[in-house]
Amino acid sequence: MHIAILTLTFSLPGCSSLKEKRHRMGGLHARFGNTPSVAVCESDGRARHDASEWTFVIVGLSKREVESQCSQIEEKLERTVDARVMNVEREFV
């Protein structure tokens, strides 16, 4: 069993409220949390409207599988979220 912790920090320039932030981040939990091998949560910046940090825990049978899923998540987020990715961290446990 292989486990990765993927943490992405986002900047939301021009975002003026928490309501707008929720709209711009667009349901990350619903999109990724339904996958059996992925757990997701907003891990920092909940009270800030101009920034957000999201952490994904990915589990798989091989390190290659887990790395592939991390890459897919990163790519999808960069295409679909109305925010700038400021930092990406991957940690294998």
C-alpha atoms as a PDB file:
ATOM      1  CA  MET A   1       0.000   0.000   0.000  1.00  0.00           C
ATOM      2  CA  HIS A   2       1.344   3.432  -0.977  1.00  0.00           C
ATOM      3  CA  ILE A   3       0.096   6.750   0.361  1.00  0.00           C
ATOM      4  CA  ALA A   4       0.719  10.296  -0.882  1.00  0.00           C
ATOM      5  CA  ILE A   5      -0.255  13.585   0.662  1.00  0.00           C
ATOM      6  CA  LEU A   6      -0.743  16.235  -2.002  1.00  0.00           C
ATOM      7  CA  THR A   7      -1.130  19.817  -0.773  1.00  0.00           C
ATOM      8  CA  LEU A   8      -1.918  22.730  -3.073  1.00  0.00           C
ATOM      9  CA  THR A   9      -1.954  26.384  -2.077  1.00  0.00           C
ATOM     10  CA  PHE A  10      -4.124  28.725  -4.124  1.00  0.00           C
ATOM     11  CA  SER A  11      -4.267  32.484  -4.464  1.00  0.00           C
ATOM     12  CA  LEU A  12      -7.616  34.012  -5.383  1.00  0.00           C
ATOM     13  CA  PRO A  13      -6.797  37.506  -6.666  1.00  0.00           C
ATOM     14  CA  GLY A  14      -9.731  39.883  -6.612  1.00  0.00           C
ATOM     15  CA  CYS A  15     -11.868  37.575  -4.504  1.00  0.00           C
ATOM     16  CA  SER A  16     -13.861  39.761  -2.121  1.00  0.00           C
ATOM     17  CA  SER A  17     -15.937  37.327  -0.057  1.00  0.00           C
ATOM     18  CA  LEU A  18     -16.076  33.777   1.246  1.00  0.00           C
ATOM     19  CA  LYS A  19     -19.157  33.191  -0.901  1.00  0.00           C
ATOM     20  CA  GLU A  20     -17.214  34.149  -4.022  1.00  0.00           C
ATOM     21  CA  LYS A  21     -14.338  31.943  -2.870  1.00  0.00           C
ATOM     22  CA  ARG A  22     -16.654  28.913  -2.602  1.00  0.00           C
ATOM     23  CA  HIS A  23     -17.956  29.638  -6.094  1.00  0.00           C
ATOM     24  CA  ARG A  24     -14.482  30.049  -7.590  1.00  0.00           C
ATOM     25  CA  MET A  25     -13.089  26.916  -5.955  1.00  0.00           C
ATOM     26  CA  GLY A  26     -16.057  25.062  -7.427  1.00  0.00           C
ATOM     27  CA  GLY A  27     -16.798  22.046  -5.242  1.00  0.00           C
ATOM     28  CA  LEU A  28     -13.398  20.378  -4.978  1.00  0.00           C
ATOM     29  CA  HIS A  29     -14.637  18.099  -2.245  1.00  0.00           C
ATOM     30  CA  ALA A  30     -17.534  16.846  -4.366  1.00  0.00           C
ATOM     31  CA  ARG A  31     -15.353  16.334  -7.455  1.00  0.00           C
ATOM     32  CA  PHE A  32     -12.512  14.435  -5.835  1.00  0.00           C
ATOM     33  CA  GLY A  33     -13.980  13.126  -2.579  1.00  0.00           C
ATOM     34  CA  ASN A  34     -16.200  10.608  -4.386  1.00  0.00           C
ATOM     35  CA  THR A  35     -13.164   8.669  -5.605  1.00  0.00           C
ATOM     36  CA  PRO A  36     -12.613   5.716  -3.228  1.00  0.00           C
ATOM     37  CA  SER A  37      -8.822   6.137  -3.198  1.00  0.00           C
ATOM     38  CA  VAL A  38      -8.864   9.911  -2.498  1.00  0.00           C
ATOM     39  CA  ALA A  39      -9.726  11.930   0.604  1.00  0.00           C
ATOM     40  CA  VAL A  40      -9.827  15.727   0.320  1.00  0.00           C
ATOM     41  CA  CYS A  41     -10.306  18.735   2.589  1.00  0.00           C
ATOM     42  CA  GLU A  42      -9.610  22.447   2.760  1.00  0.00           C
ATOM     43  CA  SER A  43      -6.690  22.306   5.164  1.00  0.00           C
ATOM     44  CA  ASP A  44      -5.874  26.003   5.611  1.00  0.00           C
ATOM     45  CA  GLY A  45      -7.220  29.428   4.771  1.00  0.00           C
ATOM     46  CA  ARG A  46     -10.866  28.697   5.507  1.00  0.00           C
ATOM     47  CA  ALA A  47     -11.488  32.167   6.921  1.00  0.00           C
ATOM     48  CA  ARG A  48      -9.515  33.961   4.193  1.00  0.00           C
ATOM     49  CA  HIS A  49     -11.260  34.993   1.000  1.00  0.00           C
ATOM     50  CA  ASP A  50      -8.065  35.563  -1.042  1.00  0.00           C
ATOM     51  CA  ALA A  51      -6.277  32.246  -0.390  1.00  0.00           C
ATOM     52  CA  SER A  52      -6.967  28.579   0.174  1.00  0.00           C
ATOM     53  CA  GLU A  53      -5.018  25.405   0.830  1.00  0.00           C
ATOM     54  CA  TRP A  54      -6.362  21.968  -0.089  1.00  0.00           C
ATOM     55  CA  THR A  55      -4.926  18.613   0.934  1.00  0.00           C
ATOM     56  CA  PHE A  56      -5.537  15.325  -0.855  1.00  0.00           C
ATOM     57  CA  VAL A  57      -4.624  11.926   0.560  1.00  0.00           C
ATOM     58  CA  ILE A  58      -4.213   9.370  -2.204  1.00  0.00           C
ATOM     59  CA  VAL A  59      -3.928   5.631  -1.609  1.00  0.00           C
ATOM     60  CA  GLY A  60      -2.937   3.001  -4.148  1.00  0.00           C
ATOM     61  CA  LEU A  61      -1.370  -0.404  -4.613  1.00  0.00           C
ATOM     62  CA  SER A  62       1.753   0.956  -6.338  1.00  0.00           C
ATOM     63  CA  LYS A  63       3.760   4.157  -6.079  1.00  0.00           C
ATOM     64  CA  ARG A  64       3.357   4.619  -9.826  1.00  0.00           C
ATOM     65  CA  GLU A  65      -0.437   4.496  -9.507  1.00  0.00           C
ATOM     66  CA  VAL A  66      -0.396   7.052  -6.685  1.00  0.00           C
ATOM     67  CA  GLU A  67       1.985   9.385  -8.571  1.00  0.00           C
ATOM     68  CA  SER A  68      -0.225   9.175 -11.646  1.00  0.00           C
ATOM     69  CA  GLN A  69      -3.321  10.065  -9.651  1.00  0.00           C
ATOM     70  CA  CYS A  70      -1.498  13.018  -8.026  1.00  0.00           C
ATOM     71  CA  SER A  71      -0.545  14.321 -11.477  1.00  0.00           C
ATOM     72  CA  GLN A  72      -4.112  13.937 -12.729  1.00  0.00           C
ATOM     73  CA  ILE A  73      -5.467  15.877  -9.749  1.00  0.00           C
ATOM     74  CA  GLU A  74      -2.926  18.682 -10.248  1.00  0.00           C
ATOM     75  CA  GLU A  75      -3.671  18.963 -13.965  1.00  0.00           C
ATOM     76  CA  LYS A  76      -7.435  18.987 -13.446  1.00  0.00           C
ATOM     77  CA  LEU A  77      -7.190  21.660 -10.751  1.00  0.00           C
ATOM     78  CA  GLU A  78      -5.034  23.907 -12.922  1.00  0.00           C
ATOM     79  CA  ARG A  79      -7.626  23.665 -15.730  1.00  0.00           C
ATOM     80  CA  THR A  80     -10.852  23.948 -13.752  1.00  0.00           C
ATOM     81  CA  VAL A  81     -10.321  26.155 -10.694  1.00  0.00           C
ATOM     82  CA  ASP A  82     -10.553  29.945 -10.997  1.00  0.00           C
ATOM     83  CA  ALA A  83      -7.448  30.523  -8.853  1.00  0.00           C
ATOM     84  CA  ARG A  84      -3.670  30.577  -9.174  1.00  0.00           C
ATOM     85  CA  VAL A  85      -1.741  27.563  -7.929  1.00  0.00           C
ATOM     86  CA  MET A  86       0.989  29.065  -5.763  1.00  0.00           C
ATOM     87  CA  ASN A  87       2.562  25.940  -4.329  1.00  0.00           C
ATOM     88  CA  VAL A  88       2.350  22.165  -4.718  1.00  0.00           C
ATOM     89  CA  GLU A  89       3.794  19.711  -2.215  1.00  0.00           C
ATOM     90  CA  ARG A  90       3.864  15.927  -2.497  1.00  0.00           C
ATOM     91  CA  GLU A  91       4.786  13.726   0.422  1.00  0.00           C
ATOM     92  CA  PHE A  92       4.914   9.935   0.312  1.00  0.00           C
ATOM     93  CA  VAL A  93       4.216   8.113   3.565  1.00  0.00           C
END
